[in-house]
Amino acid sequence: MDELDFSGRRVLVVGGSSGIGNGISHAFRERGAEVHVWGTRATAADYAGVEGSDLSGLGYAQVDVGDRAQIAAAESLADGLDVLVLCQGTVVYRRGEFEPEGWDRVMAVNLDSLMACAAKFKAPLAGRGGVMIIVSSVSGFTSNRGNPAYAASKAGAVSLTKTLGEAWAREGIRVVGLAPGLVDTKLTKVTTEHPERREGALRAIPAGRMGTPKDMAGAALFLASPLAAYVVGQTLIVDGGLSL
């Protein structure tokens, strides 16, 4: 038996239209799952040419998770869901998160929407003994001097993983977390496209390289599989040693 075979399973990746979420989406698809993703653009075709985005073979729906009403109105997959990956995220640079508008937007997407999505899909997950993976960040375990909302929201995501892990385990839902380190995506371009910042960041990573969406996808597959059946409420840090 291949414990990483997801044939016949249904997976939803919120934030699966690009970056880490897209890598996770295709990892599940390549292992037989029926995979759906949520993104912010009107149609899948609107992601054509976007770096780190490939929606071929994936179901797509437009949902801005920063708006609770859109989450509520989205299809609920009431006939069952095996894996829910909450990989939504945003950041505001140039100290914008110190201002109310920036703070509120980041917290709405990075933290508030996690609980809204979790509550929406609780019943479909419970019906199939499903797994929910909350993707946070190593920023949830340390300070991030330029991005207070990002750091606070990711720390909240780690805590929410613990709490829902305990609260829902007896209802047949296994809640776990994944905390990426520095991964080359559109959210990290402020570092990866700045030579000095990039060099400094790489010096801080014992593995000597940035992470990739494929690295994060491997961890997600493990967490969703029977191999991790006794992992509940924990967040796996996947950062090449950055946070050591």
Protein backbone atom coordinates (compact mmCIF):
# COMPACT_ATOMS: atom_id res chain seq x y z
CA MET A 1 0.00 0.00 0.00
CA ASP A 2 1.33 3.42 -1.00
CA GLU A 3 0.52 5.71 1.91
CA LEU A 4 1.17 8.75 -0.29
CA ASP A 5 -1.44 7.68 -2.86
CA PHE A 6 -4.38 10.08 -2.70
CA SER A 7 -6.46 8.47 -5.45
CA GLY A 8 -10.15 8.98 -4.82
CA ARG A 9 -9.50 11.79 -2.34
CA ARG A 10 -10.80 15.34 -2.65
CA VAL A 11 -8.48 18.18 -1.74
CA LEU A 12 -9.11 21.93 -1.48
CA VAL A 13 -6.15 24.30 -1.34
CA VAL A 14 -7.12 27.82 -0.35
CA GLY A 15 -4.47 30.05 -1.87
CA GLY A 16 -3.57 27.33 -4.34
CA SER A 17 -3.43 29.58 -7.39
CA SER A 18 0.29 30.35 -7.09
CA GLY A 19 3.43 29.90 -5.02
CA ILE A 20 3.54 27.39 -2.20
CA GLY A 21 -0.16 26.62 -2.47
CA ASN A 22 0.15 25.85 -6.16
CA GLY A 23 3.06 23.51 -5.54
CA ILE A 24 1.05 21.69 -2.89
CA SER A 25 -1.96 21.48 -5.21
CA HIS A 26 -0.02 19.77 -7.98
CA ALA A 27 1.68 17.40 -5.56
CA PHE A 28 -1.73 16.07 -4.50
CA ARG A 29 -2.96 16.01 -8.13
CA GLU A 30 0.06 14.03 -9.24
CA ARG A 31 -0.79 11.45 -6.59
CA GLY A 32 -4.32 10.93 -7.80
CA ALA A 33 -6.37 13.44 -5.86
CA GLU A 34 -9.20 15.57 -7.20
CA VAL A 35 -7.85 19.02 -6.39
CA HIS A 36 -9.69 22.32 -6.16
CA VAL A 37 -8.10 25.69 -5.48
CA TRP A 38 -9.27 29.13 -4.44
CA GLY A 39 -7.66 32.29 -5.79
CA THR A 40 -8.46 35.97 -6.08
CA ARG A 41 -8.66 36.41 -9.86
CA ALA A 42 -11.91 36.04 -11.77
CA THR A 43 -10.98 32.91 -13.74
CA ALA A 44 -8.15 30.40 -13.99
CA ALA A 45 -7.26 31.90 -17.36
CA ASP A 46 -6.38 35.16 -15.63
CA TYR A 47 -3.33 33.45 -14.11
CA ALA A 48 -1.81 32.70 -17.52
CA GLY A 49 1.79 33.88 -17.50
CA VAL A 50 1.89 34.47 -13.75
CA GLU A 51 5.12 33.19 -12.25
CA GLY A 52 4.59 30.19 -9.98
CA SER A 53 1.06 29.59 -11.20
CA ASP A 54 -0.17 26.52 -13.10
CA LEU A 55 -3.85 25.72 -12.83
CA SER A 56 -3.93 22.88 -15.36
CA GLY A 57 -5.84 19.90 -13.99
CA LEU A 58 -7.16 21.83 -11.02
CA GLY A 59 -10.68 23.00 -10.23
CA TYR A 60 -10.78 26.75 -9.66
CA ALA A 61 -13.01 29.23 -7.83
CA GLN A 62 -12.57 32.93 -7.17
CA VAL A 63 -12.80 33.68 -3.45
CA ASP A 64 -11.21 36.66 -1.70
CA VAL A 65 -10.80 35.21 1.78
CA GLY A 66 -10.26 38.68 3.19
CA ASP A 67 -14.02 39.05 2.77
CA ARG A 68 -16.02 36.78 5.10
CA ALA A 69 -19.08 37.10 2.87
CA GLN A 70 -17.21 35.52 -0.05
CA ILE A 71 -16.11 32.60 2.11
CA ALA A 72 -19.68 32.06 3.23
CA ALA A 73 -20.99 32.21 -0.34
CA ALA A 74 -18.43 29.78 -1.79
CA GLU A 75 -19.30 26.16 -2.57
CA SER A 76 -19.20 24.16 0.64
CA LEU A 77 -18.32 20.72 -0.83
CA ALA A 78 -20.99 19.30 1.44
CA ASP A 79 -20.61 15.84 -0.12
CA GLY A 80 -17.21 15.50 1.49
CA LEU A 81 -13.64 16.74 1.71
CA ASP A 82 -10.55 14.70 2.59
CA VAL A 83 -7.88 17.37 2.87
CA LEU A 84 -8.17 21.12 3.41
CA VAL A 85 -4.97 23.13 3.00
CA LEU A 86 -5.21 26.71 4.22
CA CYS A 87 -2.35 28.41 2.41
CA GLN A 88 -3.72 31.92 2.02
CA GLY A 89 -1.45 34.79 2.88
CA THR A 90 -0.58 38.41 2.25
CA VAL A 91 1.92 40.96 3.48
CA VAL A 92 2.23 44.75 3.36
CA TYR A 93 5.72 46.19 3.04
CA ARG A 94 7.18 49.66 3.66
CA ARG A 95 5.92 49.59 7.26
CA GLY A 96 2.34 49.60 6.04
CA GLU A 97 1.34 47.03 8.68
CA PHE A 98 1.95 49.61 11.40
CA GLU A 99 -1.06 51.49 10.04
CA PRO A 100 -4.66 50.36 10.69
CA GLU A 101 -5.51 49.64 7.06
CA GLY A 102 -2.45 47.45 6.50
CA TRP A 103 -2.85 45.69 9.84
CA ASP A 104 -6.52 44.93 9.23
CA ARG A 105 -6.01 43.55 5.73
CA VAL A 106 -3.19 41.23 6.74
CA MET A 107 -5.00 39.95 9.80
CA ALA A 108 -8.20 39.41 7.79
CA VAL A 109 -6.44 37.24 5.19
CA ASN A 110 -3.78 35.54 7.32
CA LEU A 111 -5.72 34.78 10.49
CA ASP A 112 -9.43 35.62 10.48
CA SER A 113 -10.01 33.70 7.25
CA LEU A 114 -8.38 30.58 8.70
CA MET A 115 -11.13 30.23 11.28
CA ALA A 116 -13.83 31.15 8.77
CA CYS A 117 -12.63 28.47 6.32
CA ALA A 118 -12.13 25.91 9.08
CA ALA A 119 -15.68 26.41 10.33
CA LYS A 120 -17.10 26.27 6.81
CA PHE A 121 -15.48 22.93 6.01
CA LYS A 122 -15.67 21.30 9.43
CA ALA A 123 -18.65 19.10 8.57
CA PRO A 124 -17.34 17.93 5.15
CA LEU A 125 -13.99 17.05 6.75
CA ALA A 126 -15.55 15.25 9.70
CA GLY A 127 -17.68 13.19 7.35
CA ARG A 128 -14.57 11.65 5.80
CA GLY A 129 -12.17 11.72 8.74
CA GLY A 130 -10.29 14.50 6.98
CA VAL A 131 -7.11 16.43 7.56
CA MET A 132 -6.72 20.21 7.77
CA ILE A 133 -3.27 21.71 7.20
CA ILE A 134 -2.75 25.30 8.33
CA VAL A 135 0.22 26.88 6.56
CA SER A 136 1.84 29.53 8.74
CA SER A 137 5.50 30.65 8.67
CA VAL A 138 8.69 30.65 10.70
CA SER A 139 7.68 34.27 11.37
CA GLY A 140 5.13 32.79 13.75
CA PHE A 141 8.00 31.77 16.04
CA THR A 142 10.10 34.95 16.00
CA SER A 143 9.87 38.70 15.53
CA ASN A 144 9.58 40.39 12.16
CA ARG A 145 10.42 44.00 12.81
CA GLY A 146 9.00 45.40 9.60
CA ASN A 147 5.81 43.37 9.52
CA PRO A 148 3.99 43.21 12.85
CA ALA A 149 0.69 42.00 11.40
CA TYR A 150 2.36 39.27 9.39
CA ALA A 151 4.28 37.97 12.41
CA ALA A 152 1.28 38.21 14.75
CA SER A 153 -1.04 36.53 12.26
CA LYS A 154 1.37 33.65 11.73
CA ALA A 155 1.84 33.19 15.48
CA GLY A 156 -1.94 33.14 15.72
CA ALA A 157 -2.07 30.49 13.00
CA VAL A 158 0.32 28.27 14.96
CA SER A 159 -1.80 28.69 18.08
CA LEU A 160 -5.01 28.03 16.15
CA THR A 161 -3.49 24.80 14.84
CA LYS A 162 -2.94 23.64 18.43
CA THR A 163 -6.40 24.64 19.58
CA LEU A 164 -8.34 23.16 16.67
CA GLY A 165 -6.13 20.09 16.80
CA GLU A 166 -7.28 19.45 20.34
CA ALA A 167 -10.86 20.60 19.84
CA TRP A 168 -11.67 18.59 16.72
CA ALA A 169 -9.61 15.40 17.02
CA ARG A 170 -12.46 13.50 18.66
CA GLU A 171 -14.76 14.61 15.85
CA GLY A 172 -12.59 12.84 13.30
CA ILE A 173 -10.63 15.83 11.99
CA ARG A 174 -6.85 15.88 12.29
CA VAL A 175 -5.54 19.45 12.32
CA VAL A 176 -1.82 20.00 11.70
CA GLY A 177 0.40 22.85 10.59
CA LEU A 178 3.26 23.64 8.22
CA ALA A 179 5.62 26.57 8.75
CA PRO A 180 7.74 27.41 5.69
CA GLY A 181 10.96 29.35 5.89
CA LEU A 182 12.21 31.54 3.05
CA VAL A 183 10.64 30.29 -0.17
CA ASP A 184 11.04 32.10 -3.50
CA THR A 185 7.50 33.29 -4.24
CA LYS A 186 5.85 36.58 -5.11
CA LEU A 187 5.53 37.44 -1.41
CA THR A 188 9.29 37.21 -0.88
CA LYS A 189 10.46 39.16 -3.93
CA VAL A 190 11.46 42.06 -1.65
CA THR A 191 14.25 39.74 -0.46
CA THR A 192 14.90 37.38 -3.34
CA GLU A 193 15.23 40.11 -5.99
CA HIS A 194 17.50 42.30 -3.84
CA PRO A 195 21.09 40.92 -4.15
CA GLU A 196 22.34 42.04 -0.73
CA ARG A 197 19.22 40.89 1.09
CA ARG A 198 19.25 37.61 -0.76
CA GLU A 199 22.90 36.97 0.09
CA GLY A 200 22.29 37.81 3.75
CA ALA A 201 19.26 35.53 3.89
CA LEU A 202 21.15 32.62 2.36
CA ARG A 203 23.96 33.01 4.92
CA ALA A 204 21.37 32.51 7.66
CA ILE A 205 20.07 29.23 6.22
CA PRO A 206 22.20 26.21 7.22
CA ALA A 207 20.97 24.24 4.21
CA GLY A 208 22.53 26.93 2.02
CA ARG A 209 19.53 27.53 -0.21
CA MET A 210 16.02 28.88 -0.23
CA GLY A 211 13.11 26.51 -0.01
CA THR A 212 10.91 25.68 -2.97
CA PRO A 213 7.19 25.01 -3.29
CA LYS A 214 8.18 21.38 -3.93
CA ASP A 215 9.87 21.23 -0.52
CA MET A 216 6.69 22.46 1.14
CA ALA A 217 4.55 20.09 -0.93
CA GLY A 218 6.51 17.09 0.31
CA ALA A 219 5.86 18.08 3.89
CA ALA A 220 2.16 18.65 3.16
CA LEU A 221 1.81 15.21 1.59
CA PHE A 222 3.37 13.64 4.67
CA LEU A 223 1.13 15.58 7.06
CA ALA A 224 -2.01 14.62 5.12
CA SER A 225 -1.07 10.96 4.87
CA PRO A 226 -1.49 7.98 7.20
CA LEU A 227 2.24 8.30 7.90
CA ALA A 228 1.35 11.27 10.12
CA ALA A 229 -1.77 9.71 11.63
CA TYR A 230 -0.58 10.36 15.20
CA VAL A 231 0.45 13.98 14.56
CA VAL A 232 -2.21 16.29 15.99
CA GLY A 233 -2.05 20.04 16.57
CA GLN A 234 1.64 20.33 15.78
CA THR A 235 3.26 22.69 13.26
CA LEU A 236 6.14 21.23 11.24
CA ILE A 237 8.86 23.81 10.55
CA VAL A 238 10.31 23.39 7.05
CA ASP A 239 12.98 26.06 6.74
CA GLY A 240 16.36 24.52 5.98
CA GLY A 241 17.42 25.30 9.52
CA LEU A 242 16.76 29.05 9.32
CA SER A 243 15.06 29.22 12.73
CA LEU A 244 17.65 27.16 14.62
